[in-house]
Amino acid sequence: MIISIFLIQTTQAQGSLKKLLKKFNQESVPYIHVENLDDKDENTVLLDAREPREFEVSHLNKAICVGYDHFDLQKTLQQLPEDKNAKIVVYCSLGIRSEDVAEQLKKAGYTNVFNLYGGIFEWKNNGNRVLNKNNKPTEEVHAFNKEWGVWLTKGIKIYE
């Protein structure tokens, strides 16, 4: 009974997340799902499209903070491999801002760019590890604001 309720709630939440992302995204960049991402893979470049204050609270292992409000494509390109086929995964809180950044990378010629479905929230909701500004494991995740924070169901929500 408890498992059935959990599965129903999870399915409903996933359906709602799918609707939310469809509402805000053009789906111009393919998604990569949390279960298909290994944050320890040395061949994958992880870009965090959240603001530095969000990144400092927590981020994925070896992620590079590129921001969103002041995203600088030229500065970001300097941090990427010259190989335009390098695997790049961009994430944000839920996968909305990251699509915009990923689109710019595709326009710059990168061909193997993905948007993390559900972002760092989905990453943490699935029990994966996040790191603080000192690269130490933390339970804290910047929840952006109270409206978007409802999508973070595991960990400690931080708003500033």
Protein backbone atom coordinates (compact mmCIF):
# COMPACT_ATOMS: atom_id res chain seq x y z
CA MET A 1 0.00 0.00 0.00
CA ILE A 2 2.73 2.48 0.98
CA ILE A 3 4.75 1.59 -2.13
CA SER A 4 1.66 2.11 -4.31
CA ILE A 5 1.04 5.55 -2.81
CA PHE A 6 4.71 6.46 -3.29
CA LEU A 7 4.66 5.32 -6.92
CA ILE A 8 1.46 7.25 -7.60
CA GLN A 9 2.90 10.41 -6.03
CA THR A 10 6.20 9.99 -7.89
CA THR A 11 4.42 9.44 -11.19
CA GLN A 12 2.19 12.47 -10.59
CA ALA A 13 5.18 14.61 -9.64
CA GLN A 14 7.07 13.46 -12.75
CA GLY A 15 4.04 14.23 -14.91
CA SER A 16 3.82 17.67 -13.36
CA LEU A 17 7.54 18.30 -13.89
CA LYS A 18 7.17 17.22 -17.49
CA LYS A 19 4.30 19.72 -17.91
CA LEU A 20 6.31 22.47 -16.23
CA LEU A 21 9.32 21.93 -18.48
CA LYS A 22 7.11 21.74 -21.57
CA LYS A 23 5.57 25.07 -20.58
CA PHE A 24 8.90 26.89 -20.25
CA ASN A 25 11.23 25.01 -22.63
CA GLN A 26 11.33 24.63 -26.37
CA GLU A 27 13.00 21.23 -25.97
CA SER A 28 15.64 22.37 -28.45
CA VAL A 29 18.33 20.60 -26.44
CA PRO A 30 18.01 16.90 -25.61
CA TYR A 31 17.49 16.01 -21.97
CA ILE A 32 19.73 13.70 -20.05
CA HIS A 33 18.03 12.10 -17.06
CA VAL A 34 19.61 11.91 -13.63
CA GLU A 35 19.99 8.14 -13.76
CA ASN A 36 22.03 8.47 -16.97
CA LEU A 37 24.51 11.02 -15.60
CA ASP A 38 27.67 10.09 -13.74
CA ASP A 39 29.10 13.20 -12.07
CA LYS A 40 32.44 11.40 -11.69
CA ASP A 41 32.84 10.80 -15.43
CA GLU A 42 36.01 12.65 -16.40
CA ASN A 43 34.84 12.92 -20.03
CA THR A 44 31.67 14.87 -19.24
CA VAL A 45 31.81 18.63 -18.73
CA LEU A 46 29.20 19.86 -16.24
CA LEU A 47 28.09 23.47 -16.48
CA ASP A 48 25.96 25.06 -13.77
CA ALA A 49 23.67 27.73 -15.25
CA ARG A 50 22.60 29.06 -11.87
CA GLU A 51 23.90 32.19 -10.24
CA PRO A 52 27.13 32.09 -8.17
CA ARG A 53 25.19 32.45 -4.88
CA GLU A 54 23.22 29.30 -5.79
CA PHE A 55 26.37 27.44 -6.87
CA GLU A 56 28.14 28.26 -3.60
CA VAL A 57 25.34 26.61 -1.57
CA SER A 58 25.65 23.41 -3.59
CA HIS A 59 26.57 22.06 -6.98
CA LEU A 60 27.38 18.83 -8.75
CA ASN A 61 30.86 17.36 -8.52
CA LYS A 62 33.35 19.13 -10.83
CA ALA A 63 30.70 21.51 -12.20
CA ILE A 64 31.76 24.87 -13.60
CA CYS A 65 29.58 27.83 -12.65
CA VAL A 66 28.73 29.79 -15.80
CA GLY A 67 25.75 31.67 -14.41
CA TYR A 68 22.68 32.80 -16.25
CA ASP A 69 21.93 36.50 -15.74
CA HIS A 70 25.45 37.45 -16.83
CA PHE A 71 26.30 34.37 -18.89
CA ASP A 72 29.38 35.08 -21.00
CA LEU A 73 29.66 32.71 -23.95
CA GLN A 74 33.24 33.70 -24.81
CA LYS A 75 34.43 33.20 -21.23
CA THR A 76 32.63 29.85 -21.08
CA LEU A 77 34.13 28.68 -24.38
CA GLN A 78 37.61 29.24 -22.91
CA GLN A 79 36.78 26.68 -20.21
CA LEU A 80 35.50 24.04 -22.64
CA PRO A 81 37.44 21.41 -24.59
CA GLU A 82 38.35 22.35 -28.16
CA ASP A 83 36.67 19.14 -29.28
CA LYS A 84 33.19 20.27 -30.38
CA ASN A 85 31.95 16.69 -29.84
CA ALA A 86 32.82 16.74 -26.12
CA LYS A 87 29.91 15.72 -23.92
CA ILE A 88 28.55 18.77 -22.09
CA VAL A 89 25.70 18.66 -19.59
CA VAL A 90 24.17 21.95 -18.51
CA TYR A 91 21.97 22.15 -15.43
CA CYS A 92 20.18 24.70 -13.28
CA SER A 93 17.52 24.30 -10.60
CA LEU A 94 14.95 22.53 -12.79
CA GLY A 95 16.22 22.59 -16.37
CA ILE A 96 14.79 25.87 -17.65
CA ARG A 97 17.69 28.32 -17.52
CA SER A 98 20.05 25.54 -18.55
CA GLU A 99 18.24 25.10 -21.85
CA ASP A 100 19.02 28.72 -22.78
CA VAL A 101 22.71 28.28 -22.00
CA ALA A 102 22.85 24.92 -23.80
CA GLU A 103 21.27 26.49 -26.90
CA GLN A 104 24.09 29.05 -27.02
CA LEU A 105 26.67 26.26 -26.82
CA LYS A 106 24.97 24.45 -29.70
CA LYS A 107 25.02 27.65 -31.76
CA ALA A 108 28.75 27.90 -30.99
CA GLY A 109 29.19 24.51 -32.66
CA TYR A 110 29.10 22.03 -29.78
CA THR A 111 27.22 18.94 -30.93
CA ASN A 112 26.97 16.76 -27.81
CA VAL A 113 25.15 19.11 -25.42
CA PHE A 114 22.47 17.99 -22.97
CA ASN A 115 20.09 19.64 -20.52
CA LEU A 116 19.77 17.85 -17.15
CA TYR A 117 16.09 16.97 -16.79
CA GLY A 118 14.82 18.42 -13.51
CA GLY A 119 18.18 20.04 -12.78
CA ILE A 120 19.92 19.92 -9.43
CA PHE A 121 16.54 19.51 -7.72
CA GLU A 122 15.90 16.21 -9.50
CA TRP A 123 19.53 15.22 -8.88
CA LYS A 124 19.12 15.73 -5.13
CA ASN A 125 15.57 14.30 -5.06
CA ASN A 126 17.05 11.06 -6.40
CA GLY A 127 19.47 10.85 -3.48
CA ASN A 128 22.59 12.02 -5.27
CA ARG A 129 25.38 13.97 -3.63
CA VAL A 130 25.89 17.71 -3.95
CA LEU A 131 28.89 19.72 -2.79
CA ASN A 132 29.19 23.11 -1.10
CA LYS A 133 31.58 25.95 -2.01
CA ASN A 134 34.39 24.04 -0.23
CA ASN A 135 33.60 20.93 -2.32
CA LYS A 136 32.38 19.09 0.75
CA PRO A 137 29.13 17.07 0.70
CA THR A 138 26.11 19.02 1.91
CA GLU A 139 22.38 18.52 2.28
CA GLU A 140 21.72 22.18 1.45
CA VAL A 141 20.41 23.17 -1.96
CA HIS A 142 19.60 26.71 -3.06
CA ALA A 143 15.89 26.50 -3.81
CA PHE A 144 15.83 29.72 -5.92
CA ASN A 145 12.52 30.95 -4.46
CA LYS A 146 9.49 29.54 -2.62
CA GLU A 147 7.55 28.97 -5.86
CA TRP A 148 10.28 26.87 -7.48
CA GLY A 149 11.42 25.41 -4.16
CA VAL A 150 8.36 23.14 -4.01
CA TRP A 151 10.09 20.96 -6.62
CA LEU A 152 12.95 20.20 -4.21
CA THR A 153 11.71 17.36 -2.00
CA LYS A 154 14.99 16.17 -0.43
CA GLY A 155 17.71 18.12 1.27
CA ILE A 156 17.63 21.44 3.10
CA LYS A 157 16.18 24.37 1.15
CA ILE A 158 18.23 27.56 1.22
CA TYR A 159 16.83 30.76 -0.23
CA GLU A 160 19.75 33.17 0.26
